[in-house]
Amino acid sequence: MQNPSHNYLKSGVAGMGFLIILGALTAFDSMSIEMYLPAFTVIQADLGLELGTLQLSLSVFLLGLAVGQAVWGPLADSYGRKTPLLIGIALFGAASAMVAMATGS
């Protein structure tokens, strides 16, 4: 009998694609922070924010990341991994688009 988890890690293109997607999903939070921190001064000047308010936005992001893991984990256990993952990616994309279109505080 073959191990079912081995099906995702087949050798070849399919297995490599799975690893790339899994790596990209794992890097979402790190990439978000790494792109956000260096742009603090530009964002502050562009939106006319105080530095404390901008720093608070990073705290809210980290809090949202923690709460998201606590909420999405049980949902993934209940409904499977794919649906909550796709919903989470859609929410991340929508929030990123809204932030990109922000014109003021």
N, C-alpha and C. Protein backbone atom coordinates (compact mmCIF):
# COMPACT_ATOMS: atom_id res chain seq x y z
N MET A 1 0.84 -1.19 0.00
CA MET A 1 0.00 0.00 0.00
C MET A 1 0.88 1.24 0.00
N GLN A 2 0.54 2.19 -0.83
CA GLN A 2 1.35 3.39 -0.99
C GLN A 2 0.93 4.45 0.03
N ASN A 3 1.88 5.19 0.52
CA ASN A 3 1.62 6.27 1.47
C ASN A 3 0.89 7.40 0.74
N PRO A 4 -0.34 7.82 1.20
CA PRO A 4 -1.09 8.85 0.47
C PRO A 4 -0.40 10.21 0.44
N SER A 5 0.39 10.55 1.46
CA SER A 5 1.05 11.85 1.45
C SER A 5 2.16 11.91 0.41
N HIS A 6 2.62 10.75 -0.05
CA HIS A 6 3.68 10.72 -1.06
C HIS A 6 3.17 11.21 -2.41
N ASN A 7 1.86 11.17 -2.66
CA ASN A 7 1.32 11.59 -3.96
C ASN A 7 1.62 13.05 -4.27
N TYR A 8 1.68 13.91 -3.25
CA TYR A 8 1.94 15.33 -3.48
C TYR A 8 3.41 15.61 -3.77
N LEU A 9 4.27 14.74 -3.38
CA LEU A 9 5.69 14.97 -3.53
C LEU A 9 6.30 14.10 -4.61
N LYS A 10 5.56 13.88 -5.67
CA LYS A 10 6.06 13.09 -6.79
C LYS A 10 7.28 13.78 -7.37
N SER A 11 8.17 12.98 -7.89
CA SER A 11 9.32 13.58 -8.55
C SER A 11 8.87 14.17 -9.88
N GLY A 12 9.56 15.15 -10.34
CA GLY A 12 9.23 15.76 -11.61
C GLY A 12 8.61 17.13 -11.43
N VAL A 13 7.96 17.60 -12.49
CA VAL A 13 7.42 18.95 -12.54
C VAL A 13 6.30 19.14 -11.53
N ALA A 14 5.39 18.19 -11.39
CA ALA A 14 4.26 18.34 -10.48
C ALA A 14 4.73 18.49 -9.04
N GLY A 15 5.70 17.69 -8.63
CA GLY A 15 6.22 17.78 -7.27
C GLY A 15 6.93 19.10 -7.03
N MET A 16 7.68 19.57 -8.02
CA MET A 16 8.39 20.84 -7.89
C MET A 16 7.40 22.00 -7.84
N GLY A 17 6.35 21.94 -8.63
CA GLY A 17 5.32 22.99 -8.59
C GLY A 17 4.65 23.07 -7.24
N PHE A 18 4.37 21.92 -6.65
CA PHE A 18 3.77 21.89 -5.32
C PHE A 18 4.69 22.56 -4.30
N LEU A 19 5.97 22.26 -4.37
CA LEU A 19 6.93 22.85 -3.43
C LEU A 19 7.07 24.35 -3.62
N ILE A 20 7.02 24.81 -4.86
CA ILE A 20 7.11 26.25 -5.13
C ILE A 20 5.89 26.97 -4.59
N ILE A 21 4.70 26.43 -4.83
CA ILE A 21 3.47 27.04 -4.32
C ILE A 21 3.47 27.06 -2.80
N LEU A 22 3.86 25.96 -2.19
CA LEU A 22 3.90 25.89 -0.73
C LEU A 22 4.91 26.89 -0.17
N GLY A 23 6.05 27.03 -0.80
CA GLY A 23 7.04 28.01 -0.37
C GLY A 23 6.54 29.44 -0.51
N ALA A 24 5.86 29.73 -1.62
CA ALA A 24 5.33 31.08 -1.83
C ALA A 24 4.26 31.41 -0.80
N LEU A 25 3.40 30.46 -0.49
CA LEU A 25 2.37 30.70 0.52
C LEU A 25 2.98 30.92 1.89
N THR A 26 4.03 30.22 2.20
CA THR A 26 4.71 30.38 3.47
C THR A 26 5.39 31.74 3.56
N ALA A 27 5.79 32.29 2.44
CA ALA A 27 6.53 33.55 2.43
C ALA A 27 5.63 34.78 2.42
N PHE A 28 4.31 34.64 2.32
CA PHE A 28 3.42 35.81 2.25
C PHE A 28 3.65 36.78 3.39
N ASP A 29 3.63 36.31 4.63
CA ASP A 29 3.75 37.22 5.76
C ASP A 29 5.13 37.86 5.82
N SER A 30 6.17 37.08 5.58
CA SER A 30 7.53 37.62 5.61
C SER A 30 7.74 38.66 4.51
N MET A 31 7.26 38.36 3.31
CA MET A 31 7.41 39.32 2.21
C MET A 31 6.64 40.59 2.48
N SER A 32 5.46 40.47 3.09
CA SER A 32 4.67 41.65 3.39
C SER A 32 5.41 42.58 4.34
N ILE A 33 5.99 42.02 5.38
CA ILE A 33 6.72 42.83 6.34
C ILE A 33 7.98 43.41 5.72
N GLU A 34 8.70 42.60 4.97
CA GLU A 34 9.96 43.05 4.38
C GLU A 34 9.75 44.15 3.33
N MET A 35 8.60 44.20 2.69
CA MET A 35 8.32 45.27 1.73
C MET A 35 7.77 46.51 2.44
N TYR A 36 7.12 46.31 3.56
CA TYR A 36 6.44 47.39 4.27
C TYR A 36 7.41 48.23 5.09
N LEU A 37 8.28 47.60 5.85
CA LEU A 37 9.18 48.34 6.74
C LEU A 37 10.07 49.36 6.05
N PRO A 38 10.74 49.00 4.95
CA PRO A 38 11.60 50.00 4.30
C PRO A 38 10.82 51.18 3.72
N ALA A 39 9.54 51.02 3.48
CA ALA A 39 8.74 52.08 2.87
C ALA A 39 8.06 52.98 3.91
N PHE A 40 8.37 52.79 5.19
CA PHE A 40 7.71 53.58 6.25
C PHE A 40 7.81 55.08 6.00
N THR A 41 9.00 55.59 5.70
CA THR A 41 9.15 57.03 5.53
C THR A 41 8.40 57.55 4.30
N VAL A 42 8.40 56.77 3.24
CA VAL A 42 7.68 57.18 2.03
C VAL A 42 6.17 57.18 2.29
N ILE A 43 5.67 56.14 2.96
CA ILE A 43 4.25 56.06 3.28
C ILE A 43 3.85 57.20 4.21
N GLN A 44 4.71 57.47 5.19
CA GLN A 44 4.43 58.55 6.14
C GLN A 44 4.30 59.89 5.42
N ALA A 45 5.22 60.17 4.52
CA ALA A 45 5.18 61.43 3.79
C ALA A 45 4.01 61.48 2.81
N ASP A 46 3.76 60.38 2.13
CA ASP A 46 2.71 60.34 1.10
C ASP A 46 1.31 60.48 1.69
N LEU A 47 1.07 59.80 2.81
CA LEU A 47 -0.26 59.83 3.41
C LEU A 47 -0.39 60.87 4.52
N GLY A 48 0.70 61.52 4.88
CA GLY A 48 0.66 62.55 5.92
C GLY A 48 0.35 61.99 7.29
N LEU A 49 0.93 60.85 7.61
CA LEU A 49 0.66 60.20 8.90
C LEU A 49 1.75 60.48 9.89
N GLU A 50 1.40 60.39 11.18
CA GLU A 50 2.42 60.44 12.22
C GLU A 50 3.09 59.07 12.28
N LEU A 51 4.34 59.06 12.72
CA LEU A 51 5.10 57.81 12.74
C LEU A 51 4.44 56.79 13.68
N GLY A 52 3.89 57.25 14.79
CA GLY A 52 3.22 56.34 15.73
C GLY A 52 2.02 55.64 15.11
N THR A 53 1.27 56.35 14.30
CA THR A 53 0.12 55.75 13.62
C THR A 53 0.57 54.71 12.62
N LEU A 54 1.63 55.00 11.93
CA LEU A 54 2.16 54.05 10.95
C LEU A 54 2.71 52.81 11.64
N GLN A 55 3.38 52.99 12.76
CA GLN A 55 3.89 51.86 13.52
C GLN A 55 2.74 51.01 14.07
N LEU A 56 1.65 51.66 14.42
CA LEU A 56 0.47 50.93 14.89
C LEU A 56 -0.09 50.03 13.80
N SER A 57 0.01 50.47 12.55
CA SER A 57 -0.48 49.64 11.44
C SER A 57 0.31 48.33 11.34
N LEU A 58 1.60 48.37 11.66
CA LEU A 58 2.40 47.15 11.66
C LEU A 58 1.97 46.23 12.80
N SER A 59 1.67 46.81 13.95
CA SER A 59 1.19 46.02 15.09
C SER A 59 -0.15 45.35 14.76
N VAL A 60 -1.02 46.08 14.10
CA VAL A 60 -2.32 45.52 13.70
C VAL A 60 -2.12 44.40 12.69
N PHE A 61 -1.17 44.56 11.77
CA PHE A 61 -0.87 43.49 10.81
C PHE A 61 -0.44 42.23 11.54
N LEU A 62 0.48 42.36 12.50
CA LEU A 62 0.97 41.19 13.23
C LEU A 62 -0.13 40.57 14.07
N LEU A 63 -0.99 41.39 14.66
CA LEU A 63 -2.13 40.87 15.41
C LEU A 63 -3.08 40.12 14.48
N GLY A 64 -3.34 40.69 13.31
CA GLY A 64 -4.18 40.02 12.33
C GLY A 64 -3.59 38.70 11.86
N LEU A 65 -2.28 38.66 11.73
CA LEU A 65 -1.61 37.42 11.35
C LEU A 65 -1.81 36.34 12.41
N ALA A 66 -1.67 36.73 13.67
CA ALA A 66 -1.85 35.77 14.77
C ALA A 66 -3.30 35.30 14.87
N VAL A 67 -4.24 36.22 14.80
CA VAL A 67 -5.66 35.86 14.88
C VAL A 67 -6.06 35.03 13.67
N GLY A 68 -5.52 35.39 12.51
CA GLY A 68 -5.83 34.62 11.30
C GLY A 68 -5.40 33.17 11.40
N GLN A 69 -4.24 32.93 11.98
CA GLN A 69 -3.79 31.55 12.15
C GLN A 69 -4.68 30.80 13.13
N ALA A 70 -5.14 31.50 14.16
CA ALA A 70 -6.01 30.85 15.15
C ALA A 70 -7.39 30.55 14.57
N VAL A 71 -7.85 31.37 13.62
CA VAL A 71 -9.18 31.18 13.03
C VAL A 71 -9.13 30.22 11.84
N TRP A 72 -8.18 30.44 10.93
CA TRP A 72 -8.14 29.64 9.70
C TRP A 72 -7.70 28.21 9.94
N GLY A 73 -6.90 27.97 10.97
CA GLY A 73 -6.46 26.61 11.26
C GLY A 73 -7.63 25.67 11.52
N PRO A 74 -8.51 26.01 12.48
CA PRO A 74 -9.68 25.15 12.72
C PRO A 74 -10.63 25.07 11.51
N LEU A 75 -10.75 26.18 10.77
CA LEU A 75 -11.59 26.14 9.56
C LEU A 75 -11.01 25.16 8.54
N ALA A 76 -9.71 25.16 8.40
CA ALA A 76 -9.07 24.24 7.47
C ALA A 76 -9.25 22.80 7.93
N ASP A 77 -9.24 22.57 9.23
CA ASP A 77 -9.48 21.23 9.75
C ASP A 77 -10.92 20.79 9.48
N SER A 78 -11.85 21.73 9.53
CA SER A 78 -13.27 21.40 9.33
C SER A 78 -13.65 21.25 7.86
N TYR A 79 -13.17 22.17 7.02
CA TYR A 79 -13.62 22.22 5.63
C TYR A 79 -12.58 21.77 4.61
N GLY A 80 -11.45 21.31 5.07
CA GLY A 80 -10.38 20.96 4.16
C GLY A 80 -9.43 22.12 3.98
N ARG A 81 -8.35 21.92 3.31
CA ARG A 81 -7.32 22.95 3.19
C ARG A 81 -7.56 23.93 2.03
N LYS A 82 -8.13 23.45 0.97
CA LYS A 82 -8.20 24.25 -0.25
C LYS A 82 -9.12 25.47 -0.13
N THR A 83 -10.34 25.29 0.33
CA THR A 83 -11.31 26.39 0.38
C THR A 83 -10.84 27.52 1.30
N PRO A 84 -10.46 27.25 2.57
CA PRO A 84 -9.97 28.36 3.40
C PRO A 84 -8.70 29.01 2.84
N LEU A 85 -7.85 28.22 2.18
CA LEU A 85 -6.64 28.79 1.59
C LEU A 85 -6.99 29.76 0.47
N LEU A 86 -7.89 29.37 -0.41
CA LEU A 86 -8.29 30.25 -1.51
C LEU A 86 -8.99 31.51 -1.01
N ILE A 87 -9.83 31.37 0.01
CA ILE A 87 -10.50 32.53 0.61
C ILE A 87 -9.46 33.47 1.23
N GLY A 88 -8.49 32.90 1.94
CA GLY A 88 -7.44 33.71 2.56
C GLY A 88 -6.60 34.45 1.53
N ILE A 89 -6.26 33.78 0.44
CA ILE A 89 -5.49 34.44 -0.62
C ILE A 89 -6.31 35.56 -1.25
N ALA A 90 -7.60 35.33 -1.46
CA ALA A 90 -8.47 36.36 -2.03
C ALA A 90 -8.57 37.57 -1.09
N LEU A 91 -8.71 37.32 0.20
CA LEU A 91 -8.75 38.43 1.17
C LEU A 91 -7.44 39.19 1.20
N PHE A 92 -6.33 38.47 1.15
CA PHE A 92 -5.01 39.11 1.13
C PHE A 92 -4.86 39.98 -0.11
N GLY A 93 -5.26 39.47 -1.25
CA GLY A 93 -5.18 40.24 -2.49
C GLY A 93 -6.08 41.47 -2.48
N ALA A 94 -7.30 41.31 -1.97
CA ALA A 94 -8.23 42.44 -1.90
C ALA A 94 -7.71 43.51 -0.95
N ALA A 95 -7.21 43.11 0.20
CA ALA A 95 -6.67 44.07 1.16
C ALA A 95 -5.44 44.77 0.58
N SER A 96 -4.60 44.04 -0.13
CA SER A 96 -3.42 44.65 -0.74
C SER A 96 -3.81 45.67 -1.80
N ALA A 97 -4.84 45.36 -2.57
CA ALA A 97 -5.32 46.30 -3.60
C ALA A 97 -5.89 47.55 -2.96
N MET A 98 -6.63 47.40 -1.86
CA MET A 98 -7.20 48.56 -1.18
C MET A 98 -6.10 49.44 -0.58
N VAL A 99 -5.07 48.83 -0.04
CA VAL A 99 -3.95 49.59 0.51
C VAL A 99 -3.22 50.34 -0.60
N ALA A 100 -3.05 49.69 -1.73
CA ALA A 100 -2.35 50.33 -2.86
C ALA A 100 -3.11 51.53 -3.38
N MET A 101 -4.43 51.55 -3.24
CA MET A 101 -5.24 52.66 -3.75
C MET A 101 -5.53 53.72 -2.69
N ALA A 102 -4.96 53.56 -1.49
CA ALA A 102 -5.20 54.54 -0.41
C ALA A 102 -4.64 55.90 -0.78
N THR A 103 -5.40 56.94 -0.51
CA THR A 103 -4.96 58.30 -0.83
C THR A 103 -4.77 59.16 0.41
N GLY A 104 -5.21 58.73 1.54
CA GLY A 104 -5.06 59.50 2.77
C GLY A 104 -5.44 58.69 3.97
N SER A 105 -5.25 59.27 5.15
CA SER A 105 -5.52 58.51 6.37
C SER A 105 -6.98 58.48 6.73
